């Protein structure tokens, strides 16, 4: 009797500017069945805060059991979808830039519209900073220290703050065992990796 091959966990690469790849990333997330497992690899300097909110909302509203892995950089707007992942893995050289939101308009707008946009963006910034702290399970005071005026945070620092799991470089070969879901849907934790972390 032949056994059916085990279904492979969907893998999504979130690389480069979020805004430039929003449509593709949205499609890839929608390809994962609601409540399903997926791996999301991050190497992004960020992008539009609206794009970040949309990707984060898709992950959460569809109940995806996402494991986020920062392979290089996960900065600015990319932090929101990363924070929405159930598990977050970083290496010692992973880099995250926390900073106040930036906005720009390439269109000619009137003074009243610009004033309204500034008011809206100021409120959006406060709400998103609070949400980021909640997603990471961090205090808003600590998050504010990282965001204002802006701080580069290493993978080791993020893990020390309890916001991610640190995977040393010598253990990366065992990562497949660490992130492969078991039959009960929970990630397997390789004994070898556990001892060396």
N, C-alpha and C. Protein backbone atom coordinates (compact mmCIF):
# COMPACT_ATOMS: atom_id res chain seq x y z
N UNK A 1 0.85 -1.18 0.00
CA UNK A 1 0.00 0.00 0.00
C UNK A 1 0.90 1.24 0.00
N UNK A 2 0.73 2.11 -0.99
CA UNK A 2 1.59 3.29 -1.07
C UNK A 2 1.03 4.40 -0.19
N UNK A 3 1.96 5.10 0.43
CA UNK A 3 1.56 6.22 1.28
C UNK A 3 1.56 7.49 0.46
N UNK A 4 0.57 8.36 0.74
CA UNK A 4 0.54 9.65 0.06
C UNK A 4 1.69 10.50 0.56
N UNK A 5 2.35 11.25 -0.34
CA UNK A 5 3.44 12.10 0.12
C UNK A 5 2.91 13.19 1.05
N UNK A 6 3.71 13.50 2.06
CA UNK A 6 3.32 14.52 3.03
C UNK A 6 3.27 15.88 2.32
N UNK A 7 2.20 16.65 2.57
CA UNK A 7 2.08 17.95 1.94
C UNK A 7 3.15 18.89 2.48
N UNK A 8 3.75 19.63 1.56
CA UNK A 8 4.81 20.55 1.94
C UNK A 8 4.20 21.84 2.50
N UNK A 9 4.79 22.37 3.54
CA UNK A 9 4.33 23.62 4.13
C UNK A 9 4.61 24.75 3.13
N UNK A 10 3.60 25.57 2.82
CA UNK A 10 3.82 26.69 1.89
C UNK A 10 4.90 27.63 2.41
N UNK A 11 5.76 28.08 1.50
CA UNK A 11 6.83 29.01 1.84
C UNK A 11 6.65 30.29 1.04
N UNK A 12 6.76 31.42 1.72
CA UNK A 12 6.57 32.72 1.10
C UNK A 12 7.79 33.57 1.40
N UNK A 13 8.38 34.16 0.36
CA UNK A 13 9.53 35.04 0.54
C UNK A 13 9.06 36.49 0.48
N UNK A 14 9.20 37.18 1.58
CA UNK A 14 8.85 38.59 1.65
C UNK A 14 10.16 39.36 1.55
N UNK A 15 10.55 39.65 0.31
CA UNK A 15 11.86 40.23 0.01
C UNK A 15 11.69 41.55 -0.72
N UNK A 16 12.48 42.53 -0.33
CA UNK A 16 12.42 43.84 -0.98
C UNK A 16 11.28 44.69 -0.45
N UNK A 17 10.97 45.74 -1.20
CA UNK A 17 9.93 46.68 -0.80
C UNK A 17 8.55 46.02 -0.81
N UNK A 18 7.85 46.09 0.31
CA UNK A 18 6.52 45.47 0.42
C UNK A 18 5.56 46.01 -0.63
N UNK A 19 5.58 47.32 -0.81
CA UNK A 19 4.61 47.96 -1.68
C UNK A 19 4.73 47.47 -3.11
N UNK A 20 5.96 47.26 -3.57
CA UNK A 20 6.19 46.81 -4.95
C UNK A 20 5.69 45.39 -5.18
N UNK A 21 5.59 44.60 -4.12
CA UNK A 21 5.22 43.19 -4.25
C UNK A 21 3.90 42.86 -3.55
N UNK A 22 3.10 43.88 -3.20
CA UNK A 22 1.90 43.66 -2.40
C UNK A 22 0.93 42.68 -3.05
N UNK A 23 0.67 42.83 -4.34
CA UNK A 23 -0.29 41.96 -5.02
C UNK A 23 0.17 40.50 -4.98
N UNK A 24 1.44 40.27 -5.28
CA UNK A 24 1.98 38.91 -5.26
C UNK A 24 1.95 38.32 -3.85
N UNK A 25 2.36 39.11 -2.85
CA UNK A 25 2.37 38.63 -1.46
C UNK A 25 0.95 38.31 -0.98
N UNK A 26 0.00 39.16 -1.35
CA UNK A 26 -1.40 38.92 -0.98
C UNK A 26 -1.88 37.61 -1.57
N UNK A 27 -1.60 37.40 -2.86
CA UNK A 27 -2.00 36.14 -3.52
C UNK A 27 -1.37 34.93 -2.83
N UNK A 28 -0.10 35.05 -2.47
CA UNK A 28 0.59 33.91 -1.82
C UNK A 28 -0.03 33.60 -0.46
N UNK A 29 -0.39 34.64 0.30
CA UNK A 29 -1.03 34.42 1.60
C UNK A 29 -2.42 33.82 1.42
N UNK A 30 -3.15 34.25 0.38
CA UNK A 30 -4.48 33.72 0.13
C UNK A 30 -4.43 32.28 -0.36
N UNK A 31 -3.30 31.85 -0.89
CA UNK A 31 -3.13 30.45 -1.31
C UNK A 31 -3.04 29.49 -0.12
N UNK A 32 -2.69 30.02 1.05
CA UNK A 32 -2.61 29.19 2.26
C UNK A 32 -4.02 29.05 2.81
N UNK A 33 -4.44 27.81 3.05
CA UNK A 33 -5.80 27.61 3.53
C UNK A 33 -5.99 28.26 4.90
N UNK A 34 -7.18 28.78 5.19
CA UNK A 34 -7.42 29.40 6.51
C UNK A 34 -7.03 28.43 7.64
N UNK A 35 -6.30 28.95 8.61
CA UNK A 35 -5.85 28.13 9.72
C UNK A 35 -4.64 27.27 9.40
N UNK A 36 -4.11 27.40 8.17
CA UNK A 36 -3.00 26.55 7.73
C UNK A 36 -1.64 27.07 8.18
N UNK A 37 -0.67 26.17 8.06
CA UNK A 37 0.73 26.50 8.37
C UNK A 37 1.38 27.15 7.16
N UNK A 38 2.32 28.05 7.41
CA UNK A 38 3.16 28.57 6.33
C UNK A 38 4.44 29.12 6.95
N UNK A 39 5.46 29.21 6.11
CA UNK A 39 6.74 29.82 6.50
C UNK A 39 6.88 31.11 5.70
N UNK A 40 7.23 32.18 6.38
CA UNK A 40 7.45 33.45 5.70
C UNK A 40 8.87 33.90 5.99
N UNK A 41 9.66 34.02 4.92
CA UNK A 41 11.05 34.46 5.04
C UNK A 41 11.10 35.97 4.81
N UNK A 42 11.72 36.70 5.71
CA UNK A 42 11.76 38.15 5.65
C UNK A 42 13.16 38.65 5.32
N UNK A 43 13.25 39.49 4.31
CA UNK A 43 14.44 40.29 4.02
C UNK A 43 13.94 41.55 3.33
N UNK A 44 13.40 42.46 4.13
CA UNK A 44 12.71 43.63 3.58
C UNK A 44 13.01 44.88 4.39
N UNK A 45 13.26 46.00 3.66
CA UNK A 45 13.45 47.27 4.36
C UNK A 45 12.13 47.95 4.72
N UNK A 46 11.00 47.36 4.29
CA UNK A 46 9.68 47.92 4.62
C UNK A 46 8.92 48.35 3.39
N UNK A 47 8.14 49.41 3.53
CA UNK A 47 7.29 49.89 2.45
C UNK A 47 6.14 50.68 3.03
N UNK A 48 5.01 50.65 2.35
CA UNK A 48 3.84 51.41 2.78
C UNK A 48 3.25 50.84 4.06
N UNK A 49 2.90 51.71 5.02
CA UNK A 49 2.24 51.22 6.23
C UNK A 49 0.89 50.57 5.93
N UNK A 50 0.21 51.04 4.88
CA UNK A 50 -1.08 50.44 4.52
C UNK A 50 -0.88 49.01 4.01
N UNK A 51 0.16 48.80 3.22
CA UNK A 51 0.48 47.46 2.75
C UNK A 51 0.81 46.56 3.94
N UNK A 52 1.59 47.08 4.88
CA UNK A 52 1.95 46.31 6.08
C UNK A 52 0.70 45.91 6.86
N UNK A 53 -0.23 46.86 7.03
CA UNK A 53 -1.48 46.55 7.75
C UNK A 53 -2.27 45.48 7.03
N UNK A 54 -2.31 45.57 5.70
CA UNK A 54 -3.08 44.61 4.92
C UNK A 54 -2.51 43.20 5.07
N UNK A 55 -1.19 43.06 4.94
CA UNK A 55 -0.56 41.73 5.07
C UNK A 55 -0.73 41.19 6.48
N UNK A 56 -0.54 42.05 7.49
CA UNK A 56 -0.73 41.63 8.88
C UNK A 56 -2.16 41.18 9.12
N UNK A 57 -3.12 41.93 8.59
CA UNK A 57 -4.53 41.60 8.78
C UNK A 57 -4.87 40.27 8.11
N UNK A 58 -4.33 40.03 6.91
CA UNK A 58 -4.58 38.75 6.24
C UNK A 58 -4.08 37.57 7.07
N UNK A 59 -2.87 37.72 7.62
CA UNK A 59 -2.31 36.64 8.44
C UNK A 59 -3.20 36.37 9.65
N UNK A 60 -3.65 37.43 10.31
CA UNK A 60 -4.44 37.28 11.53
C UNK A 60 -5.88 36.86 11.26
N UNK A 61 -6.54 37.51 10.30
CA UNK A 61 -7.96 37.25 10.07
C UNK A 61 -8.18 35.85 9.52
N UNK A 62 -7.18 35.31 8.80
CA UNK A 62 -7.30 33.96 8.25
C UNK A 62 -6.75 32.91 9.21
N UNK A 63 -6.28 33.36 10.38
CA UNK A 63 -5.80 32.43 11.40
C UNK A 63 -4.61 31.60 10.94
N UNK A 64 -3.74 32.19 10.11
CA UNK A 64 -2.59 31.42 9.61
C UNK A 64 -1.61 31.14 10.75
N UNK A 65 -1.14 29.91 10.78
CA UNK A 65 -0.11 29.53 11.75
C UNK A 65 1.24 29.75 11.08
N UNK A 66 1.59 31.04 10.98
CA UNK A 66 2.79 31.43 10.25
C UNK A 66 4.01 31.41 11.15
N UNK A 67 5.10 30.91 10.61
CA UNK A 67 6.41 31.02 11.24
C UNK A 67 7.20 32.01 10.42
N UNK A 68 7.58 33.13 11.03
CA UNK A 68 8.37 34.15 10.35
C UNK A 68 9.84 33.94 10.65
N UNK A 69 10.66 34.01 9.61
CA UNK A 69 12.09 33.81 9.76
C UNK A 69 12.80 34.99 9.11
N UNK A 70 13.55 35.76 9.90
CA UNK A 70 14.29 36.90 9.35
C UNK A 70 15.64 36.38 8.86
N UNK A 71 15.77 36.33 7.54
CA UNK A 71 17.01 35.83 6.95
C UNK A 71 18.03 36.94 6.75
N UNK A 72 17.59 38.18 6.78
CA UNK A 72 18.47 39.33 6.61
C UNK A 72 17.94 40.49 7.42
N UNK A 73 17.14 41.33 6.75
CA UNK A 73 16.57 42.52 7.38
C UNK A 73 15.05 42.42 7.45
N UNK A 74 14.49 42.93 8.52
CA UNK A 74 13.04 43.06 8.65
C UNK A 74 12.80 44.39 9.34
N UNK A 75 12.63 45.43 8.54
CA UNK A 75 12.60 46.78 9.09
C UNK A 75 11.33 47.52 8.72
N UNK A 76 11.09 48.57 9.49
CA UNK A 76 10.03 49.52 9.19
C UNK A 76 8.69 48.80 9.04
N UNK A 77 8.00 48.98 7.93
CA UNK A 77 6.67 48.40 7.75
C UNK A 77 6.69 46.87 7.74
N UNK A 78 7.81 46.25 7.40
CA UNK A 78 7.88 44.78 7.39
C UNK A 78 7.72 44.20 8.79
N UNK A 79 7.90 45.02 9.82
CA UNK A 79 7.77 44.52 11.19
C UNK A 79 6.35 44.06 11.52
N UNK A 80 5.33 44.69 10.90
CA UNK A 80 3.95 44.32 11.25
C UNK A 80 3.59 42.90 10.80
N UNK A 81 3.83 42.51 9.54
CA UNK A 81 3.54 41.10 9.21
C UNK A 81 4.42 40.13 9.98
N UNK A 82 5.66 40.51 10.28
CA UNK A 82 6.54 39.63 11.07
C UNK A 82 5.96 39.45 12.47
N UNK A 83 5.51 40.56 13.07
CA UNK A 83 4.95 40.48 14.42
C UNK A 83 3.66 39.67 14.45
N UNK A 84 2.95 39.61 13.32
CA UNK A 84 1.69 38.84 13.25
C UNK A 84 1.93 37.34 13.20
N UNK A 85 3.16 36.91 12.95
CA UNK A 85 3.47 35.47 12.89
C UNK A 85 3.37 34.86 14.29
N UNK A 86 2.86 33.62 14.34
CA UNK A 86 2.76 32.93 15.63
C UNK A 86 4.13 32.64 16.21
N UNK A 87 5.07 32.27 15.34
CA UNK A 87 6.45 32.03 15.78
C UNK A 87 7.34 32.96 14.98
N UNK A 88 8.36 33.48 15.66
CA UNK A 88 9.29 34.39 15.02
C UNK A 88 10.71 33.91 15.30
N UNK A 89 11.45 33.63 14.23
CA UNK A 89 12.82 33.14 14.35
C UNK A 89 13.78 34.16 13.77
N UNK A 90 14.90 34.37 14.45
CA UNK A 90 15.93 35.30 14.00
C UNK A 90 17.30 34.65 14.18
N UNK A 91 18.27 35.16 13.42
CA UNK A 91 19.66 34.73 13.60
C UNK A 91 20.40 35.83 14.35
N UNK A 92 21.62 35.56 14.80
CA UNK A 92 22.36 36.62 15.49
C UNK A 92 22.59 37.86 14.62
N UNK A 93 22.61 37.69 13.30
CA UNK A 93 22.86 38.83 12.41
C UNK A 93 21.59 39.40 11.78
N UNK A 94 20.43 38.91 12.15
CA UNK A 94 19.18 39.51 11.67
C UNK A 94 19.13 40.95 12.17
N UNK A 95 18.58 41.83 11.36
CA UNK A 95 18.51 43.25 11.72
C UNK A 95 17.07 43.74 11.56
N UNK A 96 16.60 44.47 12.56
CA UNK A 96 15.29 45.09 12.52
C UNK A 96 15.44 46.57 12.84
N UNK A 97 14.91 47.44 11.98
CA UNK A 97 14.92 48.87 12.25
C UNK A 97 13.52 49.30 12.69
N UNK A 98 13.43 49.76 13.92
CA UNK A 98 12.20 50.33 14.45
C UNK A 98 12.34 51.85 14.33
N UNK A 99 11.35 52.53 13.76
CA UNK A 99 11.42 53.99 13.64
C UNK A 99 10.01 54.56 13.49
N UNK A 100 9.87 55.87 13.69
CA UNK A 100 8.56 56.49 13.48
C UNK A 100 8.15 56.33 12.01
N UNK A 101 6.86 56.21 11.77
CA UNK A 101 6.38 56.08 10.40
C UNK A 101 6.74 57.32 9.60
N UNK A 102 7.03 57.08 8.31
CA UNK A 102 7.32 58.18 7.40
C UNK A 102 6.26 58.21 6.33
N UNK A 103 5.92 59.37 5.88
CA UNK A 103 4.95 59.45 4.80
C UNK A 103 5.40 60.51 3.82
N UNK A 104 4.93 60.32 2.59
CA UNK A 104 5.22 61.30 1.54
C UNK A 104 4.07 61.27 0.55
N UNK A 105 3.92 62.35 -0.14
CA UNK A 105 2.91 62.42 -1.20
C UNK A 105 3.59 62.96 -2.44
N UNK A 106 3.40 62.27 -3.54
CA UNK A 106 3.99 62.73 -4.80
C UNK A 106 2.96 63.51 -5.62
N UNK A 107 1.80 63.74 -5.02
CA UNK A 107 0.75 64.47 -5.73
C UNK A 107 0.65 65.88 -5.17
N UNK A 108 0.16 66.79 -6.00
CA UNK A 108 -0.10 68.15 -5.53
C UNK A 108 -1.40 68.15 -4.74
N UNK A 109 -1.31 68.55 -3.48
CA UNK A 109 -2.51 68.59 -2.65
C UNK A 109 -2.65 69.98 -2.05
N UNK A 110 -3.89 70.34 -1.77
CA UNK A 110 -4.16 71.63 -1.16
C UNK A 110 -3.81 71.61 0.32
N UNK A 111 -3.74 72.80 0.89
CA UNK A 111 -3.37 72.94 2.30
C UNK A 111 -4.33 72.21 3.22
N UNK A 112 -5.65 72.32 2.97
CA UNK A 112 -6.63 71.66 3.83
C UNK A 112 -6.48 70.14 3.78
N UNK A 113 -6.25 69.61 2.58
CA UNK A 113 -6.06 68.16 2.45
C UNK A 113 -4.77 67.71 3.13
N UNK A 114 -3.72 68.51 2.98
CA UNK A 114 -2.45 68.17 3.63
C UNK A 114 -2.59 68.18 5.14
N UNK A 115 -3.33 69.16 5.66
CA UNK A 115 -3.55 69.23 7.12
C UNK A 115 -4.34 68.02 7.61
N UNK A 116 -5.36 67.62 6.84
CA UNK A 116 -6.14 66.43 7.22
C UNK A 116 -5.29 65.18 7.15
N UNK A 117 -4.45 65.08 6.12
CA UNK A 117 -3.56 63.92 5.99
C UNK A 117 -2.61 63.84 7.18
N UNK A 118 -2.04 64.98 7.59
CA UNK A 118 -1.13 65.01 8.72
C UNK A 118 -1.84 64.57 10.01
N UNK A 119 -3.09 65.04 10.20
CA UNK A 119 -3.85 64.63 11.38
C UNK A 119 -4.10 63.13 11.35
N UNK A 120 -4.56 62.63 10.21
CA UNK A 120 -4.83 61.20 10.06
C UNK A 120 -3.57 60.38 10.30
N UNK A 121 -2.46 60.81 9.70
CA UNK A 121 -1.23 60.04 9.81
C UNK A 121 -0.71 60.03 11.24
N UNK A 122 -0.87 61.16 11.95
CA UNK A 122 -0.45 61.20 13.36
C UNK A 122 -1.21 60.18 14.20
N UNK A 123 -2.54 60.07 13.98
CA UNK A 123 -3.34 59.09 14.72
C UNK A 123 -2.98 57.67 14.30
N UNK A 124 -2.79 57.46 13.00
CA UNK A 124 -2.42 56.15 12.49
C UNK A 124 -1.11 55.68 13.10
N UNK A 125 -0.14 56.59 13.20
CA UNK A 125 1.16 56.25 13.77
C UNK A 125 1.01 55.78 15.21
N UNK A 126 0.23 56.50 16.02
CA UNK A 126 0.03 56.11 17.42
C UNK A 126 -0.63 54.74 17.52
N UNK A 127 -1.69 54.54 16.71
CA UNK A 127 -2.41 53.27 16.75
C UNK A 127 -1.52 52.10 16.32
N UNK A 128 -0.73 52.32 15.26
CA UNK A 128 0.11 51.23 14.76
C UNK A 128 1.27 50.92 15.71
N UNK A 129 1.82 51.94 16.37
CA UNK A 129 2.87 51.69 17.36
C UNK A 129 2.33 50.85 18.52
N UNK A 130 1.12 51.16 18.97
CA UNK A 130 0.50 50.39 20.06
C UNK A 130 0.22 48.96 19.60
N UNK A 131 -0.27 48.81 18.37
CA UNK A 131 -0.56 47.48 17.83
C UNK A 131 0.72 46.66 17.70
N UNK A 132 1.80 47.29 17.26
CA UNK A 132 3.07 46.56 17.12
C UNK A 132 3.54 46.03 18.47
N UNK A 133 3.43 46.85 19.50
CA UNK A 133 3.79 46.41 20.85
C UNK A 133 2.92 45.23 21.27
N UNK A 134 1.62 45.32 21.02
CA UNK A 134 0.71 44.23 21.40
C UNK A 134 1.02 42.94 20.64
N UNK A 135 1.28 43.05 19.34
CA UNK A 135 1.58 41.85 18.54
C UNK A 135 2.85 41.17 19.03
N UNK A 136 3.85 41.97 19.38
CA UNK A 136 5.11 41.41 19.87
C UNK A 136 5.03 40.98 21.33
N UNK A 137 3.94 41.37 22.02
CA UNK A 137 3.83 41.05 23.45
C UNK A 137 4.80 41.87 24.28
N UNK A 138 5.09 43.09 23.83
CA UNK A 138 6.04 43.97 24.51
C UNK A 138 5.29 45.13 25.15
N UNK A 139 5.93 45.77 26.11
CA UNK A 139 5.31 46.95 26.71
C UNK A 139 5.37 48.11 25.72
N UNK A 140 4.41 48.96 25.78
CA UNK A 140 4.38 50.12 24.88
C UNK A 140 5.52 51.08 25.20
N UNK A 141 5.93 51.12 26.45
CA UNK A 141 7.04 51.99 26.84
C UNK A 141 8.34 51.51 26.21
N UNK A 142 8.58 50.19 26.25
CA UNK A 142 9.80 49.67 25.66
C UNK A 142 9.80 49.86 24.14
N UNK A 143 8.63 49.61 23.52
CA UNK A 143 8.52 49.78 22.07
C UNK A 143 8.77 51.24 21.69
N UNK A 144 8.27 52.17 22.50
CA UNK A 144 8.47 53.59 22.22
C UNK A 144 9.95 53.95 22.26
N UNK A 145 10.71 53.33 23.15
CA UNK A 145 12.16 53.59 23.23
C UNK A 145 12.87 53.13 21.96
N UNK A 146 12.38 52.06 21.36
CA UNK A 146 12.99 51.57 20.12
C UNK A 146 12.55 52.40 18.92
N UNK A 147 11.29 52.83 18.91
CA UNK A 147 10.74 53.54 17.75
C UNK A 147 11.20 55.00 17.71
N UNK A 148 11.27 55.65 18.84
CA UNK A 148 11.61 57.08 18.88
C UNK A 148 12.94 57.31 19.56
N UNK A 149 13.96 57.79 18.87
CA UNK A 149 13.93 58.33 17.51
C UNK A 149 14.15 57.27 16.43
N UNK A 150 14.42 56.05 16.81
CA UNK A 150 14.67 54.97 15.85
C UNK A 150 15.86 54.14 16.32
N UNK A 151 15.74 52.82 16.21
CA UNK A 151 16.82 51.96 16.70
C UNK A 151 16.94 50.72 15.83
N UNK A 152 18.20 50.39 15.49
CA UNK A 152 18.48 49.10 14.86
C UNK A 152 18.59 48.07 15.97
N UNK A 153 17.83 46.99 15.85
CA UNK A 153 17.80 45.93 16.87
C UNK A 153 18.31 44.65 16.23
N UNK A 154 19.25 44.00 16.88
CA UNK A 154 19.80 42.74 16.36
C UNK A 154 18.87 41.58 16.71
N UNK A 155 19.08 40.47 16.03
CA UNK A 155 18.31 39.27 16.34
C UNK A 155 18.47 38.87 17.80
N UNK A 156 19.71 38.97 18.29
CA UNK A 156 19.96 38.61 19.70
C UNK A 156 19.18 39.51 20.65
N UNK A 157 19.14 40.82 20.34
CA UNK A 157 18.39 41.75 21.19
C UNK A 157 16.89 41.46 21.16
N UNK A 158 16.37 41.17 19.97
CA UNK A 158 14.94 40.88 19.84
C UNK A 158 14.58 39.63 20.64
N UNK A 159 15.45 38.61 20.55
CA UNK A 159 15.22 37.37 21.30
C UNK A 159 15.34 37.61 22.81
N UNK A 160 16.32 38.41 23.21
CA UNK A 160 16.50 38.70 24.64
C UNK A 160 15.28 39.43 25.21
N UNK A 161 14.60 40.20 24.36
CA UNK A 161 13.39 40.91 24.79
C UNK A 161 12.16 40.00 24.77
N UNK A 162 12.34 38.74 24.36
CA UNK A 162 11.24 37.77 24.36
C UNK A 162 10.31 37.88 23.17
N UNK A 163 10.74 38.54 22.10
CA UNK A 163 9.88 38.76 20.94
C UNK A 163 10.14 37.78 19.81
N UNK A 164 11.19 36.96 19.92
CA UNK A 164 11.53 36.00 18.87
C UNK A 164 12.41 34.93 19.48
N UNK A 165 12.62 33.87 18.69
CA UNK A 165 13.54 32.81 19.09
C UNK A 165 14.83 32.97 18.30
N UNK A 166 15.95 32.92 19.00
CA UNK A 166 17.26 33.06 18.36
C UNK A 166 17.74 31.70 17.89
N UNK A 167 18.09 31.61 16.60
CA UNK A 167 18.63 30.38 16.04
C UNK A 167 20.08 30.66 15.67
N UNK A 168 21.05 30.10 16.41
CA UNK A 168 22.46 30.34 16.08
C UNK A 168 22.80 29.76 14.70
N UNK A 169 23.82 30.32 14.07
CA UNK A 169 24.18 29.88 12.73
C UNK A 169 24.51 28.39 12.66
N UNK A 170 25.16 27.86 13.71
CA UNK A 170 25.52 26.43 13.67
C UNK A 170 24.29 25.52 13.72
N UNK A 171 23.15 26.08 14.10
CA UNK A 171 21.93 25.27 14.20
C UNK A 171 21.03 25.41 12.98
N UNK A 172 21.41 26.24 12.01
CA UNK A 172 20.54 26.47 10.86
C UNK A 172 20.29 25.20 10.06
N UNK A 173 21.23 24.28 10.05
CA UNK A 173 21.04 23.01 9.34
C UNK A 173 19.93 22.18 9.95
N UNK A 174 19.63 22.40 11.22
CA UNK A 174 18.57 21.66 11.91
C UNK A 174 17.24 22.42 11.86
N UNK A 175 17.21 23.53 11.17
CA UNK A 175 16.02 24.38 11.17
C UNK A 175 14.80 23.66 10.62
N UNK A 176 15.00 22.83 9.59
CA UNK A 176 13.87 22.10 9.01
C UNK A 176 13.14 21.28 10.05
N UNK A 177 13.89 20.66 10.92
CA UNK A 177 13.28 19.86 12.00
C UNK A 177 12.55 20.75 12.99
N UNK A 178 13.09 21.94 13.20
CA UNK A 178 12.49 22.87 14.16
C UNK A 178 11.16 23.42 13.67
N UNK A 179 11.04 23.68 12.35
CA UNK A 179 9.86 24.37 11.86
C UNK A 179 8.85 23.46 11.19
N UNK A 180 9.16 22.18 11.00
CA UNK A 180 8.22 21.27 10.36
C UNK A 180 7.08 20.96 11.31
N UNK A 181 5.83 21.20 10.89
CA UNK A 181 4.71 20.91 11.79
C UNK A 181 4.58 19.40 12.03
N UNK A 182 4.18 19.04 13.22
CA UNK A 182 3.92 17.65 13.55
C UNK A 182 2.48 17.32 13.19
N UNK A 183 2.07 16.11 13.42
CA UNK A 183 0.71 15.71 13.06
C UNK A 183 -0.36 16.48 13.83
N UNK A 184 -0.02 17.03 15.00
CA UNK A 184 -1.02 17.79 15.77
C UNK A 184 -1.01 19.28 15.43
N UNK A 185 -0.23 19.66 14.38
CA UNK A 185 -0.21 21.05 13.94
C UNK A 185 0.78 21.92 14.68
N UNK A 186 1.39 21.40 15.75
CA UNK A 186 2.37 22.18 16.50
C UNK A 186 3.75 21.95 15.91
N UNK A 187 4.62 22.98 15.96
CA UNK A 187 5.96 22.80 15.40
C UNK A 187 6.73 21.74 16.18
N UNK A 188 7.48 20.91 15.44
CA UNK A 188 8.37 19.96 16.10
C UNK A 188 9.59 20.73 16.56
N UNK A 189 10.09 20.34 17.69
CA UNK A 189 11.32 20.96 18.18
C UNK A 189 12.39 19.87 18.23
N UNK A 190 13.37 20.04 17.39
CA UNK A 190 14.43 19.04 17.31
C UNK A 190 15.25 19.00 18.57
N UNK A 191 15.48 17.84 19.12
CA UNK A 191 16.23 17.71 20.37
C UNK A 191 17.65 18.26 20.22
N UNK A 192 18.27 17.94 19.05
CA UNK A 192 19.63 18.42 18.84
C UNK A 192 19.68 19.93 18.85
N UNK A 193 18.73 20.55 18.19
CA UNK A 193 18.71 22.01 18.12
C UNK A 193 18.43 22.60 19.49
N UNK A 194 17.52 21.99 20.21
CA UNK A 194 17.16 22.50 21.52
C UNK A 194 18.38 22.54 22.44
N UNK A 195 19.22 21.51 22.37
CA UNK A 195 20.38 21.45 23.25
C UNK A 195 21.42 22.51 22.90
N UNK A 196 21.48 22.89 21.59
CA UNK A 196 22.55 23.80 21.18
C UNK A 196 22.15 25.26 21.19
N UNK A 197 20.87 25.56 21.34
CA UNK A 197 20.44 26.97 21.34
C UNK A 197 20.85 27.63 22.64
